[in-house]
Protein backbone atom coordinates (compact mmCIF):
# COMPACT_ATOMS: atom_id res chain seq x y z
CA UNK A 1 146.36 190.19 59.33
CA UNK A 2 143.91 192.70 57.94
CA UNK A 3 141.02 194.06 60.07
CA UNK A 4 137.78 195.66 58.80
CA UNK A 5 138.83 199.03 60.20
CA UNK A 6 141.83 199.04 57.89
CA UNK A 7 144.24 198.63 60.81
CA UNK A 8 146.69 195.80 61.15
CA UNK A 9 146.42 193.41 64.08
CA UNK A 10 149.75 194.74 65.35
CA UNK A 11 148.52 198.37 65.34
CA UNK A 12 145.29 197.40 67.06
CA UNK A 13 147.16 195.52 69.76
CA UNK A 14 149.37 198.54 70.41
CA UNK A 15 146.32 200.77 70.67
CA UNK A 16 144.62 198.29 73.02
CA UNK A 17 147.78 198.04 75.17
CA UNK A 18 148.02 201.83 75.44
CA UNK A 19 144.33 202.09 76.38
CA UNK A 20 144.68 199.41 79.07
CA UNK A 21 147.83 201.02 80.48
CA UNK A 22 146.01 204.35 80.76
CA UNK A 23 142.92 202.70 82.28
CA UNK A 24 144.82 200.84 84.99
CA UNK A 25 147.44 203.50 85.74
CA UNK A 26 145.36 205.00 88.54
CA UNK A 27 145.39 208.63 89.64
CA UNK A 28 148.56 210.62 89.18
CA UNK A 29 150.86 210.60 92.19
CA UNK A 30 151.63 214.02 93.62
CA UNK A 31 155.28 214.89 93.69
CA UNK A 32 156.83 214.56 97.11
CA UNK A 33 157.48 217.93 98.69
CA UNK A 34 161.03 219.15 98.68
CA UNK A 35 162.85 218.71 101.95
CA UNK A 36 161.70 221.03 104.67
CA UNK A 37 163.94 223.20 106.77
CA UNK A 38 164.76 221.35 109.97
CA UNK A 39 165.83 222.84 113.25
CA UNK A 40 168.11 221.15 115.78
CA UNK A 41 166.46 219.75 118.91
CA UNK A 42 167.83 218.68 122.26
CA UNK A 43 167.34 214.95 122.35
CA UNK A 44 169.40 211.81 122.80
CA UNK A 45 167.73 210.17 119.77
CA UNK A 46 166.54 213.00 117.47
CA UNK A 47 168.91 215.44 115.82
CA UNK A 48 166.51 217.79 113.99
CA UNK A 49 162.83 218.21 113.08
CA UNK A 50 160.95 220.22 110.48
CA UNK A 51 157.39 220.67 109.30
CA UNK A 52 155.77 221.70 106.01
CA UNK A 53 152.38 223.24 106.84
CA UNK A 54 151.11 223.20 103.24
CA UNK A 55 151.96 219.54 102.66
CA UNK A 56 151.34 218.46 106.30
CA UNK A 57 154.63 216.57 106.36
CA UNK A 58 156.96 216.14 109.30
CA UNK A 59 160.63 215.39 108.76
CA UNK A 60 162.77 213.91 111.49
CA UNK A 61 166.51 213.31 111.39
CA UNK A 62 167.77 210.85 113.97
CA UNK A 63 171.19 210.83 115.60
CA UNK A 64 171.81 207.51 113.84
CA UNK A 65 171.89 209.44 110.54
CA UNK A 66 168.53 208.14 109.33
CA UNK A 67 165.88 210.62 108.29
CA UNK A 68 162.19 210.12 107.59
CA UNK A 69 159.26 212.08 106.21
CA UNK A 70 155.92 211.43 107.92
CA UNK A 71 152.79 212.16 105.87
CA UNK A 72 149.43 213.73 106.84
CA UNK A 73 150.69 214.85 110.23
CA UNK A 74 148.64 217.57 111.94
CA UNK A 75 150.53 220.74 112.86
CA UNK A 76 149.59 220.17 116.51
CA UNK A 77 151.65 216.97 116.55
CA UNK A 78 154.71 218.90 115.34
CA UNK A 79 154.16 221.59 117.98
CA UNK A 80 153.75 218.99 120.72
CA UNK A 81 156.94 217.25 119.57
CA UNK A 82 158.89 220.50 119.72
CA UNK A 83 157.59 221.24 123.24
CA UNK A 84 157.92 217.70 124.64
CA UNK A 85 160.42 217.32 127.49
CA UNK A 86 161.49 214.00 125.93
CA UNK A 87 161.34 214.22 122.12
CA UNK A 88 162.27 210.56 121.72
CA UNK A 89 159.51 209.42 124.04
CA UNK A 90 156.96 211.66 122.31
CA UNK A 91 158.05 210.27 118.94
CA UNK A 92 157.71 206.67 120.15
CA UNK A 93 154.29 207.22 121.71
CA UNK A 94 152.64 209.65 119.28
CA UNK A 95 154.29 209.36 115.85
CA UNK A 96 155.97 205.99 115.26
CA UNK A 97 153.49 203.53 113.76
CA UNK A 98 150.72 206.13 113.46
CA UNK A 99 151.62 207.88 110.20
CA UNK A 100 152.64 206.71 106.76
CA UNK A 101 156.30 207.52 106.16
CA UNK A 102 159.03 207.67 103.57
CA UNK A 103 162.63 206.91 104.45
CA UNK A 104 164.79 209.74 103.12
CA UNK A 105 168.15 208.41 104.28
CA UNK A 106 169.24 205.19 105.97
CA UNK A 107 171.18 205.16 109.23
CA UNK A 108 174.93 205.48 108.97
CA UNK A 109 176.80 202.14 109.10
């Protein structure tokens, strides 16, 4: 099919599809920060914790082998976790369910 612009219908559809894909793509997603350095902690449920101040991310590795990255976590929460007498209890009361997270590794079978 010929169009007044001199383009074929096929070429116009490709151009329209590209424009719609760009329009509905949304904002670019920031790359996830590289893993942070974690330090061992004394806990019956947590193995290690780490914090990236620039990205405000908290990483926790559990004794089960699972590890998670928690997003938009204030530095004070990380400091309180490190100082808590019971790290597992602090995690359950102040972190779990309060912050968006990414699972980095599943628990070992």
